Amino acid sequence: MLIISIAEELRDEEFVTNRLLRNPSDMAAVFKRYYGDKIATQFNSLMREHLVLAAQLVKAAKAGNSQAAAEIEKKWYANADELAAFLSSINPYWSKSALTK
């Protein structure tokens, strides 16, 4: 929904962004039950960064700023790799290779 809001310059972009950025903390609350505070906090940070970078990437692409989009895309993929490594480190059933396909 956020991609559509950004691409179409809809008035709900701020609302949709705020709602989307609640998801990592909602998910982290579940992680906290099983993995504790430290893991939940780290997950929240990585996932939030992933979503923020995705929004920045869409905005840069929409603006036609290919250089900025390329730089953000590299950061986005690096964050995804970090997130996959993190998840595979906390649960042996989540392989990094499967998470990065």
C-alpha atoms as a PDB file:
ATOM      1  CA  MET A   1       0.000   0.000   0.000  1.00  0.00           C
ATOM      2  CA  LEU A   2       2.821   2.420   0.771  1.00  0.00           C
ATOM      3  CA  ILE A   3       4.325   1.937  -2.672  1.00  0.00           C
ATOM      4  CA  ILE A   4       0.985   2.861  -4.221  1.00  0.00           C
ATOM      5  CA  SER A   5       0.613   5.866  -1.919  1.00  0.00           C
ATOM      6  CA  ILE A   6       4.088   7.109  -2.860  1.00  0.00           C
ATOM      7  CA  ALA A   7       3.774   6.376  -6.566  1.00  0.00           C
ATOM      8  CA  GLU A   8       0.352   7.966  -6.867  1.00  0.00           C
ATOM      9  CA  GLU A   9       1.117  10.795  -4.413  1.00  0.00           C
ATOM     10  CA  LEU A  10      -1.922   9.918  -2.334  1.00  0.00           C
ATOM     11  CA  ARG A  11      -2.873  11.928   0.715  1.00  0.00           C
ATOM     12  CA  ASP A  12      -2.717   8.835   2.910  1.00  0.00           C
ATOM     13  CA  GLU A  13       1.055   8.400   2.566  1.00  0.00           C
ATOM     14  CA  GLU A  14       1.826   9.581   6.103  1.00  0.00           C
ATOM     15  CA  PHE A  15      -0.919   7.423   7.623  1.00  0.00           C
ATOM     16  CA  VAL A  16       0.126   4.364   5.615  1.00  0.00           C
ATOM     17  CA  THR A  17       3.791   4.924   6.494  1.00  0.00           C
ATOM     18  CA  ASN A  18       3.037   5.196  10.197  1.00  0.00           C
ATOM     19  CA  ARG A  19       0.932   2.046  10.104  1.00  0.00           C
ATOM     20  CA  LEU A  20       3.547   0.100   8.159  1.00  0.00           C
ATOM     21  CA  LEU A  21       6.268   1.125  10.586  1.00  0.00           C
ATOM     22  CA  ARG A  22       4.238  -0.337  13.466  1.00  0.00           C
ATOM     23  CA  ASN A  23       4.631  -3.811  11.964  1.00  0.00           C
ATOM     24  CA  PRO A  24       8.258  -4.367  13.047  1.00  0.00           C
ATOM     25  CA  SER A  25       7.470  -3.558  16.678  1.00  0.00           C
ATOM     26  CA  ASP A  26       4.353  -5.743  16.571  1.00  0.00           C
ATOM     27  CA  MET A  27       6.459  -8.605  15.219  1.00  0.00           C
ATOM     28  CA  ALA A  28       9.223  -7.860  17.734  1.00  0.00           C
ATOM     29  CA  ALA A  29       6.701  -8.302  20.545  1.00  0.00           C
ATOM     30  CA  VAL A  30       6.212 -11.889  19.388  1.00  0.00           C
ATOM     31  CA  PHE A  31       9.976 -12.404  19.078  1.00  0.00           C
ATOM     32  CA  LYS A  32      10.374 -11.122  22.636  1.00  0.00           C
ATOM     33  CA  ARG A  33       8.258 -13.976  23.996  1.00  0.00           C
ATOM     34  CA  TYR A  34      10.564 -16.582  22.485  1.00  0.00           C
ATOM     35  CA  TYR A  35      13.954 -14.898  22.193  1.00  0.00           C
ATOM     36  CA  GLY A  36      14.040 -12.118  24.791  1.00  0.00           C
ATOM     37  CA  ASP A  37      14.450  -8.343  24.722  1.00  0.00           C
ATOM     38  CA  LYS A  38      17.824  -8.118  22.997  1.00  0.00           C
ATOM     39  CA  ILE A  39      16.805 -10.251  20.005  1.00  0.00           C
ATOM     40  CA  ALA A  40      13.436  -8.503  19.725  1.00  0.00           C
ATOM     41  CA  THR A  41      15.083  -5.085  19.743  1.00  0.00           C
ATOM     42  CA  GLN A  42      17.602  -6.112  17.112  1.00  0.00           C
ATOM     43  CA  PHE A  43      14.868  -7.573  14.901  1.00  0.00           C
ATOM     44  CA  ASN A  44      12.782  -4.417  15.260  1.00  0.00           C
ATOM     45  CA  SER A  45      15.717  -2.253  14.218  1.00  0.00           C
ATOM     46  CA  LEU A  46      16.663  -4.355  11.184  1.00  0.00           C
ATOM     47  CA  MET A  47      13.093  -4.742   9.927  1.00  0.00           C
ATOM     48  CA  ARG A  48      12.260  -1.078  10.424  1.00  0.00           C
ATOM     49  CA  GLU A  49      15.395  -0.092   8.511  1.00  0.00           C
ATOM     50  CA  HIS A  50      14.384  -2.460   5.705  1.00  0.00           C
ATOM     51  CA  LEU A  51      10.982  -0.815   5.358  1.00  0.00           C
ATOM     52  CA  VAL A  52      12.384   2.723   5.529  1.00  0.00           C
ATOM     53  CA  LEU A  53      14.968   1.914   2.859  1.00  0.00           C
ATOM     54  CA  ALA A  54      12.272   0.407   0.634  1.00  0.00           C
ATOM     55  CA  ALA A  55      10.221   3.605   0.869  1.00  0.00           C
ATOM     56  CA  GLN A  56      13.298   5.725   0.138  1.00  0.00           C
ATOM     57  CA  LEU A  57      14.048   3.547  -2.887  1.00  0.00           C
ATOM     58  CA  VAL A  58      10.553   4.026  -4.295  1.00  0.00           C
ATOM     59  CA  LYS A  59      10.768   7.783  -3.748  1.00  0.00           C
ATOM     60  CA  ALA A  60      14.174   8.032  -5.444  1.00  0.00           C
ATOM     61  CA  ALA A  61      12.990   5.957  -8.397  1.00  0.00           C
ATOM     62  CA  LYS A  62       9.802   8.008  -8.735  1.00  0.00           C
ATOM     63  CA  ALA A  63      11.874  11.211  -8.695  1.00  0.00           C
ATOM     64  CA  GLY A  64      14.045   9.807 -11.484  1.00  0.00           C
ATOM     65  CA  ASN A  65      17.160   9.980  -9.326  1.00  0.00           C
ATOM     66  CA  SER A  66      18.847   6.808 -10.549  1.00  0.00           C
ATOM     67  CA  GLN A  67      22.085   7.464  -8.661  1.00  0.00           C
ATOM     68  CA  ALA A  68      20.296   7.801  -5.322  1.00  0.00           C
ATOM     69  CA  ALA A  69      18.094   4.806  -6.151  1.00  0.00           C
ATOM     70  CA  ALA A  70      21.157   2.670  -6.891  1.00  0.00           C
ATOM     71  CA  GLU A  71      22.819   3.684  -3.614  1.00  0.00           C
ATOM     72  CA  ILE A  72      19.667   3.014  -1.610  1.00  0.00           C
ATOM     73  CA  GLU A  73      19.174  -0.306  -3.387  1.00  0.00           C
ATOM     74  CA  LYS A  74      22.656  -1.426  -2.291  1.00  0.00           C
ATOM     75  CA  LYS A  75      21.835  -0.471   1.308  1.00  0.00           C
ATOM     76  CA  TRP A  76      18.490  -2.256   1.046  1.00  0.00           C
ATOM     77  CA  TYR A  77      20.098  -5.498  -0.151  1.00  0.00           C
ATOM     78  CA  ALA A  78      22.827  -5.226   2.494  1.00  0.00           C
ATOM     79  CA  ASN A  79      20.132  -4.810   5.140  1.00  0.00           C
ATOM     80  CA  ALA A  80      18.265  -7.828   3.745  1.00  0.00           C
ATOM     81  CA  ASP A  81      21.443  -9.907   3.981  1.00  0.00           C
ATOM     82  CA  GLU A  82      22.002  -8.706   7.541  1.00  0.00           C
ATOM     83  CA  LEU A  83      18.405  -9.535   8.438  1.00  0.00           C
ATOM     84  CA  ALA A  84      18.731 -13.026   6.916  1.00  0.00           C
ATOM     85  CA  ALA A  85      22.000 -13.644   8.785  1.00  0.00           C
ATOM     86  CA  PHE A  86      20.409 -12.445  12.011  1.00  0.00           C
ATOM     87  CA  LEU A  87      17.323 -14.632  11.632  1.00  0.00           C
ATOM     88  CA  SER A  88      19.380 -17.701  10.751  1.00  0.00           C
ATOM     89  CA  SER A  89      21.578 -17.085  13.800  1.00  0.00           C
ATOM     90  CA  ILE A  90      18.640 -17.190  16.209  1.00  0.00           C
ATOM     91  CA  ASN A  91      16.799 -20.164  14.729  1.00  0.00           C
ATOM     92  CA  PRO A  92      18.468 -23.210  13.135  1.00  0.00           C
ATOM     93  CA  TYR A  93      15.367 -23.852  11.012  1.00  0.00           C
ATOM     94  CA  TRP A  94      15.763 -20.536   9.178  1.00  0.00           C
ATOM     95  CA  SER A  95      18.686 -21.015   6.820  1.00  0.00           C
ATOM     96  CA  LYS A  96      20.341 -17.905   5.474  1.00  0.00           C
ATOM     97  CA  SER A  97      20.402 -19.362   1.960  1.00  0.00           C
ATOM     98  CA  ALA A  98      16.646 -19.974   2.021  1.00  0.00           C
ATOM     99  CA  LEU A  99      15.988 -16.495   3.390  1.00  0.00           C
ATOM    100  CA  THR A 100      18.085 -14.811   0.695  1.00  0.00           C
ATOM    101  CA  LYS A 101      16.547 -16.574  -2.317  1.00  0.00           C
END
